[in-house]
Full PDB file with SEQRES, HELIX, SHEET, SSBOND, CRYST1, ORIGX, SCALE, CONECT and MASTER records, all heavy atoms in Angstrom:
SEQRES   1 A   32  GLN PRO TYR GLY ILE ARG VAL ALA ILE VAL GLN PRO GLY          
SEQRES   2 A   32  ALA ILE GLN SER GLN ALA PHE ILE LYS ASP ILE GLY ASP          
SEQRES   3 A   32  PHE GLU ARG TYR LYS GLU                                      
HELIX    1 AA1 ALA A   19  TYR A   30  1                                  12    
CRYST1    1.000    1.000    1.000  90.00  90.00  90.00 P 1           1          
ORIGX1      1.000000  0.000000  0.000000        0.00000                         
ORIGX2      0.000000  1.000000  0.000000        0.00000                         
ORIGX3      0.000000  0.000000  1.000000        0.00000                         
SCALE1      1.000000  0.000000  0.000000        0.00000                         
SCALE2      0.000000  1.000000  0.000000        0.00000                         
SCALE3      0.000000  0.000000  1.000000        0.00000                         
ATOM      1  N   GLN A   1      27.502  38.483  38.915  1.00  0.00           N  
ATOM      2  CA  GLN A   1      27.450  39.941  39.013  1.00  0.00           C  
ATOM      3  C   GLN A   1      28.314  40.512  40.135  1.00  0.00           C  
ATOM      4  O   GLN A   1      29.038  41.494  39.924  1.00  0.00           O  
ATOM      5  CB  GLN A   1      25.978  40.359  39.194  1.00  0.00           C  
ATOM      6  CG  GLN A   1      25.738  41.849  39.178  1.00  0.00           C  
ATOM      7  CD  GLN A   1      24.244  42.136  39.197  1.00  0.00           C  
ATOM      8  OE1 GLN A   1      23.553  41.896  38.226  1.00  0.00           O  
ATOM      9  NE2 GLN A   1      23.755  42.627  40.330  1.00  0.00           N  
ATOM     10  N   PRO A   2      28.324  39.919  41.325  1.00  0.00           N  
ATOM     11  CA  PRO A   2      29.160  40.492  42.389  1.00  0.00           C  
ATOM     12  C   PRO A   2      30.656  40.428  42.107  1.00  0.00           C  
ATOM     13  O   PRO A   2      31.438  41.130  42.744  1.00  0.00           O  
ATOM     14  CB  PRO A   2      28.811  39.625  43.607  1.00  0.00           C  
ATOM     15  CG  PRO A   2      27.490  39.015  43.299  1.00  0.00           C  
ATOM     16  CD  PRO A   2      27.509  38.801  41.816  1.00  0.00           C  
ATOM     17  N   TYR A   3      31.053  39.596  41.130  1.00  0.00           N  
ATOM     18  CA  TYR A   3      32.477  39.412  40.833  1.00  0.00           C  
ATOM     19  C   TYR A   3      32.921  40.157  39.574  1.00  0.00           C  
ATOM     20  O   TYR A   3      34.025  39.955  39.081  1.00  0.00           O  
ATOM     21  CB  TYR A   3      32.783  37.918  40.711  1.00  0.00           C  
ATOM     22  CG  TYR A   3      32.409  37.173  41.970  1.00  0.00           C  
ATOM     23  CD1 TYR A   3      31.204  36.480  42.053  1.00  0.00           C  
ATOM     24  CD2 TYR A   3      33.230  37.210  43.092  1.00  0.00           C  
ATOM     25  CE1 TYR A   3      30.843  35.822  43.212  1.00  0.00           C  
ATOM     26  CE2 TYR A   3      32.869  36.557  44.262  1.00  0.00           C  
ATOM     27  CZ  TYR A   3      31.677  35.865  44.313  1.00  0.00           C  
ATOM     28  OH  TYR A   3      31.314  35.227  45.472  1.00  0.00           O  
ATOM     29  N   GLY A   4      32.031  41.008  39.067  1.00  0.00           N  
ATOM     30  CA  GLY A   4      32.407  41.861  37.953  1.00  0.00           C  
ATOM     31  C   GLY A   4      32.428  41.178  36.603  1.00  0.00           C  
ATOM     32  O   GLY A   4      32.992  41.716  35.648  1.00  0.00           O  
ATOM     33  N   ILE A   5      31.829  39.995  36.490  1.00  0.00           N  
ATOM     34  CA  ILE A   5      31.740  39.298  35.209  1.00  0.00           C  
ATOM     35  C   ILE A   5      30.334  39.483  34.655  1.00  0.00           C  
ATOM     36  O   ILE A   5      29.347  39.110  35.297  1.00  0.00           O  
ATOM     37  CB  ILE A   5      32.056  37.794  35.358  1.00  0.00           C  
ATOM     38  CG1 ILE A   5      33.478  37.610  35.886  1.00  0.00           C  
ATOM     39  CG2 ILE A   5      31.882  37.072  34.022  1.00  0.00           C  
ATOM     40  CD1 ILE A   5      33.821  36.160  36.214  1.00  0.00           C  
ATOM     41  N   ARG A   6      30.262  40.084  33.487  1.00  0.00           N  
ATOM     42  CA  ARG A   6      28.971  40.352  32.875  1.00  0.00           C  
ATOM     43  C   ARG A   6      28.480  39.126  32.092  1.00  0.00           C  
ATOM     44  O   ARG A   6      29.280  38.331  31.616  1.00  0.00           O  
ATOM     45  CB  ARG A   6      29.073  41.552  31.927  1.00  0.00           C  
ATOM     46  CG  ARG A   6      29.533  42.837  32.617  1.00  0.00           C  
ATOM     47  CD  ARG A   6      29.774  43.939  31.604  1.00  0.00           C  
ATOM     48  NE  ARG A   6      30.906  43.618  30.730  1.00  0.00           N  
ATOM     49  CZ  ARG A   6      31.046  44.067  29.477  1.00  0.00           C  
ATOM     50  NH1 ARG A   6      30.102  44.819  28.934  1.00  0.00           N  
ATOM     51  NH2 ARG A   6      32.108  43.739  28.768  1.00  0.00           N  
ATOM     52  N   VAL A   7      27.159  39.013  31.947  1.00  0.00           N  
ATOM     53  CA  VAL A   7      26.554  37.952  31.145  1.00  0.00           C  
ATOM     54  C   VAL A   7      25.470  38.583  30.283  1.00  0.00           C  
ATOM     55  O   VAL A   7      24.629  39.336  30.779  1.00  0.00           O  
ATOM     56  CB  VAL A   7      25.945  36.836  32.023  1.00  0.00           C  
ATOM     57  CG1 VAL A   7      25.240  35.788  31.149  1.00  0.00           C  
ATOM     58  CG2 VAL A   7      27.027  36.170  32.874  1.00  0.00           C  
ATOM     59  N   ALA A   8      25.506  38.292  28.979  1.00  0.00           N  
ATOM     60  CA  ALA A   8      24.497  38.805  28.056  1.00  0.00           C  
ATOM     61  C   ALA A   8      23.947  37.659  27.215  1.00  0.00           C  
ATOM     62  O   ALA A   8      24.616  36.653  26.984  1.00  0.00           O  
ATOM     63  CB  ALA A   8      25.089  39.887  27.154  1.00  0.00           C  
ATOM     64  N   ILE A   9      22.711  37.838  26.761  1.00  0.00           N  
ATOM     65  CA  ILE A   9      22.033  36.852  25.919  1.00  0.00           C  
ATOM     66  C   ILE A   9      21.756  37.496  24.568  1.00  0.00           C  
ATOM     67  O   ILE A   9      21.183  38.587  24.495  1.00  0.00           O  
ATOM     68  CB  ILE A   9      20.700  36.403  26.547  1.00  0.00           C  
ATOM     69  CG1 ILE A   9      20.918  35.861  27.959  1.00  0.00           C  
ATOM     70  CG2 ILE A   9      20.009  35.358  25.664  1.00  0.00           C  
ATOM     71  CD1 ILE A   9      19.629  35.702  28.752  1.00  0.00           C  
ATOM     72  N   VAL A  10      22.141  36.810  23.490  1.00  0.00           N  
ATOM     73  CA  VAL A  10      21.826  37.261  22.138  1.00  0.00           C  
ATOM     74  C   VAL A  10      20.768  36.323  21.572  1.00  0.00           C  
ATOM     75  O   VAL A  10      20.965  35.107  21.510  1.00  0.00           O  
ATOM     76  CB  VAL A  10      23.075  37.271  21.239  1.00  0.00           C  
ATOM     77  CG1 VAL A  10      22.696  37.661  19.813  1.00  0.00           C  
ATOM     78  CG2 VAL A  10      24.114  38.241  21.787  1.00  0.00           C  
ATOM     79  N   GLN A  11      19.642  36.891  21.157  1.00  0.00           N  
ATOM     80  CA  GLN A  11      18.537  36.121  20.589  1.00  0.00           C  
ATOM     81  C   GLN A  11      18.364  36.497  19.121  1.00  0.00           C  
ATOM     82  O   GLN A  11      17.548  37.351  18.778  1.00  0.00           O  
ATOM     83  CB  GLN A  11      17.226  36.407  21.319  1.00  0.00           C  
ATOM     84  CG  GLN A  11      17.086  35.814  22.691  1.00  0.00           C  
ATOM     85  CD  GLN A  11      15.673  36.028  23.227  1.00  0.00           C  
ATOM     86  OE1 GLN A  11      14.965  36.968  22.860  1.00  0.00           O  
ATOM     87  NE2 GLN A  11      15.231  35.148  24.096  1.00  0.00           N  
ATOM     88  N   PRO A  12      19.098  35.859  18.218  1.00  0.00           N  
ATOM     89  CA  PRO A  12      18.936  36.215  16.803  1.00  0.00           C  
ATOM     90  C   PRO A  12      17.539  35.878  16.287  1.00  0.00           C  
ATOM     91  O   PRO A  12      16.917  34.900  16.712  1.00  0.00           O  
ATOM     92  CB  PRO A  12      19.991  35.347  16.098  1.00  0.00           C  
ATOM     93  CG  PRO A  12      20.966  34.981  17.161  1.00  0.00           C  
ATOM     94  CD  PRO A  12      20.155  34.863  18.414  1.00  0.00           C  
ATOM     95  N   GLY A  13      17.077  36.703  15.360  1.00  0.00           N  
ATOM     96  CA  GLY A  13      15.845  36.396  14.642  1.00  0.00           C  
ATOM     97  C   GLY A  13      16.186  35.622  13.385  1.00  0.00           C  
ATOM     98  O   GLY A  13      16.954  34.664  13.420  1.00  0.00           O  
ATOM     99  N   ALA A  14      15.606  36.020  12.254  1.00  0.00           N  
ATOM    100  CA  ALA A  14      15.871  35.338  10.981  1.00  0.00           C  
ATOM    101  C   ALA A  14      17.220  35.805  10.451  1.00  0.00           C  
ATOM    102  O   ALA A  14      17.344  36.861   9.846  1.00  0.00           O  
ATOM    103  CB  ALA A  14      14.763  35.627   9.980  1.00  0.00           C  
ATOM    104  N   ILE A  15      18.241  35.008  10.705  1.00  0.00           N  
ATOM    105  CA  ILE A  15      19.609  35.318  10.300  1.00  0.00           C  
ATOM    106  C   ILE A  15      20.092  34.215   9.356  1.00  0.00           C  
ATOM    107  O   ILE A  15      19.853  33.028   9.594  1.00  0.00           O  
ATOM    108  CB  ILE A  15      20.551  35.395  11.522  1.00  0.00           C  
ATOM    109  CG1 ILE A  15      20.112  36.527  12.471  1.00  0.00           C  
ATOM    110  CG2 ILE A  15      21.995  35.583  11.090  1.00  0.00           C  
ATOM    111  CD1 ILE A  15      20.335  37.913  11.952  1.00  0.00           C  
ATOM    112  N   GLN A  16      20.761  34.590   8.289  1.00  0.00           N  
ATOM    113  CA  GLN A  16      21.277  33.606   7.345  1.00  0.00           C  
ATOM    114  C   GLN A  16      22.221  32.631   8.042  1.00  0.00           C  
ATOM    115  O   GLN A  16      23.126  33.040   8.757  1.00  0.00           O  
ATOM    116  CB  GLN A  16      22.025  34.320   6.215  1.00  0.00           C  
ATOM    117  CG  GLN A  16      21.144  35.227   5.371  1.00  0.00           C  
ATOM    118  CD  GLN A  16      21.933  36.126   4.462  1.00  0.00           C  
ATOM    119  OE1 GLN A  16      23.132  35.964   4.313  1.00  0.00           O  
ATOM    120  NE2 GLN A  16      21.270  37.076   3.837  1.00  0.00           N  
ATOM    121  N   SER A  17      21.981  31.331   7.828  1.00  0.00           N  
ATOM    122  CA  SER A  17      22.827  30.316   8.450  1.00  0.00           C  
ATOM    123  C   SER A  17      22.756  29.030   7.636  1.00  0.00           C  
ATOM    124  O   SER A  17      21.952  28.896   6.719  1.00  0.00           O  
ATOM    125  CB  SER A  17      22.402  30.047   9.897  1.00  0.00           C  
ATOM    126  OG  SER A  17      21.264  29.220   9.930  1.00  0.00           O  
ATOM    127  N   GLN A  18      23.605  28.075   8.014  1.00  0.00           N  
ATOM    128  CA  GLN A  18      23.645  26.775   7.359  1.00  0.00           C  
ATOM    129  C   GLN A  18      22.842  25.716   8.130  1.00  0.00           C  
ATOM    130  O   GLN A  18      22.854  24.545   7.753  1.00  0.00           O  
ATOM    131  CB  GLN A  18      25.110  26.302   7.270  1.00  0.00           C  
ATOM    132  CG  GLN A  18      26.012  27.234   6.490  1.00  0.00           C  
ATOM    133  CD  GLN A  18      25.686  27.230   5.011  1.00  0.00           C  
ATOM    134  OE1 GLN A  18      25.536  26.201   4.401  1.00  0.00           O  
ATOM    135  NE2 GLN A  18      25.566  28.416   4.443  1.00  0.00           N  
ATOM    136  N   ALA A  19      22.138  26.115   9.175  1.00  0.00           N  
ATOM    137  CA  ALA A  19      21.532  25.141  10.077  1.00  0.00           C  
ATOM    138  C   ALA A  19      20.570  24.199   9.361  1.00  0.00           C  
ATOM    139  O   ALA A  19      20.636  22.977   9.518  1.00  0.00           O  
ATOM    140  CB  ALA A  19      20.804  25.867  11.204  1.00  0.00           C  
ATOM    141  N   PHE A  20      19.651  24.762   8.550  1.00  0.00           N  
ATOM    142  CA  PHE A  20      18.661  23.918   7.910  1.00  0.00           C  
ATOM    143  C   PHE A  20      19.263  23.117   6.756  1.00  0.00           C  
ATOM    144  O   PHE A  20      18.831  22.005   6.476  1.00  0.00           O  
ATOM    145  CB  PHE A  20      17.485  24.767   7.429  1.00  0.00           C  
ATOM    146  CG  PHE A  20      16.720  25.403   8.555  1.00  0.00           C  
ATOM    147  CD1 PHE A  20      16.681  26.776   8.696  1.00  0.00           C  
ATOM    148  CD2 PHE A  20      16.055  24.619   9.483  1.00  0.00           C  
ATOM    149  CE1 PHE A  20      15.987  27.362   9.740  1.00  0.00           C  
ATOM    150  CE2 PHE A  20      15.356  25.195  10.535  1.00  0.00           C  
ATOM    151  CZ  PHE A  20      15.321  26.566  10.661  1.00  0.00           C  
ATOM    152  N   ILE A  21      20.253  23.692   6.096  1.00  0.00           N  
ATOM    153  CA  ILE A  21      20.921  22.962   5.014  1.00  0.00           C  
ATOM    154  C   ILE A  21      21.560  21.687   5.554  1.00  0.00           C  
ATOM    155  O   ILE A  21      21.493  20.627   4.931  1.00  0.00           O  
ATOM    156  CB  ILE A  21      21.971  23.867   4.341  1.00  0.00           C  
ATOM    157  CG1 ILE A  21      21.270  25.050   3.653  1.00  0.00           C  
ATOM    158  CG2 ILE A  21      22.816  23.086   3.347  1.00  0.00           C  
ATOM    159  CD1 ILE A  21      22.214  26.093   3.105  1.00  0.00           C  
ATOM    160  N   LYS A  22      22.168  21.771   6.716  1.00  0.00           N  
ATOM    161  CA  LYS A  22      22.816  20.608   7.316  1.00  0.00           C  
ATOM    162  C   LYS A  22      21.822  19.506   7.651  1.00  0.00           C  
ATOM    163  O   LYS A  22      22.178  18.325   7.692  1.00  0.00           O  
ATOM    164  CB  LYS A  22      23.571  21.031   8.587  1.00  0.00           C  
ATOM    165  CG  LYS A  22      24.762  21.947   8.330  1.00  0.00           C  
ATOM    166  CD  LYS A  22      25.394  22.378   9.641  1.00  0.00           C  
ATOM    167  CE  LYS A  22      26.573  23.318   9.406  1.00  0.00           C  
ATOM    168  NZ  LYS A  22      27.166  23.798  10.681  1.00  0.00           N  
ATOM    169  N   ASP A  23      20.551  19.862   7.895  1.00  0.00           N  
ATOM    170  CA  ASP A  23      19.549  18.888   8.333  1.00  0.00           C  
ATOM    171  C   ASP A  23      18.636  18.398   7.220  1.00  0.00           C  
ATOM    172  O   ASP A  23      17.735  17.607   7.466  1.00  0.00           O  
ATOM    173  CB  ASP A  23      18.680  19.514   9.429  1.00  0.00           C  
ATOM    174  CG  ASP A  23      19.291  19.367  10.805  1.00  0.00           C  
ATOM    175  OD1 ASP A  23      20.445  18.940  10.888  1.00  0.00           O  
ATOM    176  OD2 ASP A  23      18.615  19.687  11.793  1.00  0.00           O  
ATOM    177  N   ILE A  24      18.841  18.872   5.999  1.00  0.00           N  
ATOM    178  CA  ILE A  24      17.873  18.594   4.940  1.00  0.00           C  
ATOM    179  C   ILE A  24      17.750  17.097   4.656  1.00  0.00           C  
ATOM    180  O   ILE A  24      16.659  16.586   4.398  1.00  0.00           O  
ATOM    181  CB  ILE A  24      18.221  19.384   3.659  1.00  0.00           C  
ATOM    182  CG1 ILE A  24      17.048  19.348   2.672  1.00  0.00           C  
ATOM    183  CG2 ILE A  24      19.498  18.874   3.022  1.00  0.00           C  
ATOM    184  CD1 ILE A  24      15.837  20.101   3.143  1.00  0.00           C  
ATOM    185  N   GLY A  25      18.876  16.356   4.704  1.00  0.00           N  
ATOM    186  CA  GLY A  25      18.814  14.914   4.470  1.00  0.00           C  
ATOM    187  C   GLY A  25      17.979  14.212   5.522  1.00  0.00           C  
ATOM    188  O   GLY A  25      17.156  13.328   5.212  1.00  0.00           O  
ATOM    189  N   ASP A  26      18.174  14.584   6.778  1.00  0.00           N  
ATOM    190  CA  ASP A  26      17.414  14.005   7.878  1.00  0.00           C  
ATOM    191  C   ASP A  26      15.932  14.317   7.715  1.00  0.00           C  
ATOM    192  O   ASP A  26      15.061  13.475   7.979  1.00  0.00           O  
ATOM    193  CB  ASP A  26      17.937  14.541   9.217  1.00  0.00           C  
ATOM    194  CG  ASP A  26      17.368  13.792  10.416  1.00  0.00           C  
ATOM    195  OD1 ASP A  26      16.852  12.674  10.228  1.00  0.00           O  
ATOM    196  OD2 ASP A  26      17.449  14.320  11.537  1.00  0.00           O  
ATOM    197  N   PHE A  27      15.624  15.525   7.271  1.00  0.00           N  
ATOM    198  CA  PHE A  27      14.231  15.913   7.075  1.00  0.00           C  
ATOM    199  C   PHE A  27      13.579  15.085   5.975  1.00  0.00           C  
ATOM    200  O   PHE A  27      12.427  14.640   6.112  1.00  0.00           O  
ATOM    201  CB  PHE A  27      14.136  17.400   6.743  1.00  0.00           C  
ATOM    202  CG  PHE A  27      12.732  17.871   6.487  1.00  0.00           C  
ATOM    203  CD1 PHE A  27      11.762  17.770   7.470  1.00  0.00           C  
ATOM    204  CD2 PHE A  27      12.380  18.425   5.262  1.00  0.00           C  
ATOM    205  CE1 PHE A  27      10.460  18.193   7.244  1.00  0.00           C  
ATOM    206  CE2 PHE A  27      11.089  18.853   5.031  1.00  0.00           C  
ATOM    207  CZ  PHE A  27      10.126  18.747   6.008  1.00  0.00           C  
ATOM    208  N   GLU A  28      14.287  14.846   4.881  1.00  0.00           N  
ATOM    209  CA  GLU A  28      13.719  14.042   3.795  1.00  0.00           C  
ATOM    210  C   GLU A  28      13.417  12.624   4.273  1.00  0.00           C  
ATOM    211  O   GLU A  28      12.410  12.032   3.891  1.00  0.00           O  
ATOM    212  CB  GLU A  28      14.691  14.019   2.609  1.00  0.00           C  
ATOM    213  CG  GLU A  28      14.847  15.369   1.910  1.00  0.00           C  
ATOM    214  CD  GLU A  28      13.537  15.925   1.384  1.00  0.00           C  
ATOM    215  OE1 GLU A  28      12.729  15.133   0.855  1.00  0.00           O  
ATOM    216  OE2 GLU A  28      13.306  17.140   1.517  1.00  0.00           O  
ATOM    217  N   ARG A  29      14.287  12.086   5.124  1.00  0.00           N  
ATOM    218  CA  ARG A  29      14.022  10.750   5.674  1.00  0.00           C  
ATOM    219  C   ARG A  29      12.844  10.787   6.647  1.00  0.00           C  
ATOM    220  O   ARG A  29      12.028   9.855   6.695  1.00  0.00           O  
ATOM    221  CB  ARG A  29      15.283  10.220   6.385  1.00  0.00           C  
ATOM    222  CG  ARG A  29      16.406   9.840   5.432  1.00  0.00           C  
ATOM    223  CD  ARG A  29      17.557   9.166   6.167  1.00  0.00           C  
ATOM    224  NE  ARG A  29      18.256  10.075   7.064  1.00  0.00           N  
ATOM    225  CZ  ARG A  29      19.253  10.872   6.693  1.00  0.00           C  
ATOM    226  NH1 ARG A  29      19.685  10.864   5.435  1.00  0.00           N  
ATOM    227  NH2 ARG A  29      19.841  11.671   7.576  1.00  0.00           N  
ATOM    228  N   TYR A  30      12.748  11.860   7.411  1.00  0.00           N  
ATOM    229  CA  TYR A  30      11.645  11.977   8.375  1.00  0.00           C  
ATOM    230  C   TYR A  30      10.296  11.984   7.658  1.00  0.00           C  
ATOM    231  O   TYR A  30       9.311  11.422   8.161  1.00  0.00           O  
ATOM    232  CB  TYR A  30      11.816  13.261   9.192  1.00  0.00           C  
ATOM    233  CG  TYR A  30      10.721  13.490  10.210  1.00  0.00           C  
ATOM    234  CD1 TYR A  30      10.670  12.746  11.380  1.00  0.00           C  
ATOM    235  CD2 TYR A  30       9.738  14.450   9.995  1.00  0.00           C  
ATOM    236  CE1 TYR A  30       9.659  12.955  12.319  1.00  0.00           C  
ATOM    237  CE2 TYR A  30       8.732  14.667  10.919  1.00  0.00           C  
ATOM    238  CZ  TYR A  30       8.695  13.921  12.078  1.00  0.00           C  
ATOM    239  OH  TYR A  30       7.689  14.117  12.994  1.00  0.00           O  
ATOM    240  N   LYS A  31      10.244  12.578   6.483  1.00  0.00           N  
ATOM    241  CA  LYS A  31       9.000  12.644   5.721  1.00  0.00           C  
ATOM    242  C   LYS A  31       8.476  11.252   5.361  1.00  0.00           C  
ATOM    243  O   LYS A  31       7.282  11.074   5.132  1.00  0.00           O  
ATOM    244  CB  LYS A  31       9.212  13.477   4.454  1.00  0.00           C  
ATOM    245  CG  LYS A  31       9.371  14.957   4.729  1.00  0.00           C  
ATOM    246  CD  LYS A  31       9.982  15.695   3.556  1.00  0.00           C  
ATOM    247  CE  LYS A  31       9.097  15.714   2.342  1.00  0.00           C  
ATOM    248  NZ  LYS A  31       9.666  16.590   1.280  1.00  0.00           N  
ATOM    249  N   GLU A  32       9.372  10.283   5.322  1.00  0.00           N  
ATOM    250  CA  GLU A  32       8.986   8.919   4.956  1.00  0.00           C  
ATOM    251  C   GLU A  32       8.694   8.044   6.180  1.00  0.00           C  
ATOM    252  O   GLU A  32       8.510   6.830   6.036  1.00  0.00           O  
ATOM    253  CB  GLU A  32      10.108   8.279   4.133  1.00  0.00           C  
ATOM    254  CG  GLU A  32      10.492   9.063   2.887  1.00  0.00           C  
ATOM    255  CD  GLU A  32       9.307   9.274   1.956  1.00  0.00           C  
ATOM    256  OE1 GLU A  32       8.508   8.326   1.798  1.00  0.00           O  
ATOM    257  OE2 GLU A  32       9.173  10.385   1.395  1.00  0.00           O  
TER     258      GLU A  32                                                      
MASTER        0    0    0    1    0    0    0    6  257    1    0    3          
END                                                                             
C-alpha cells in the first residue's frame, strides 16, 4: 500500500468452469 500498488481478492461463487470435469476420473477411482 505505501508504494501505490493495489491488491484485490476475487472470491467467485458458483461459476461455470472445467475444474470438476478435469477431476472426474480421479473421483471415480477414489470411490473404489
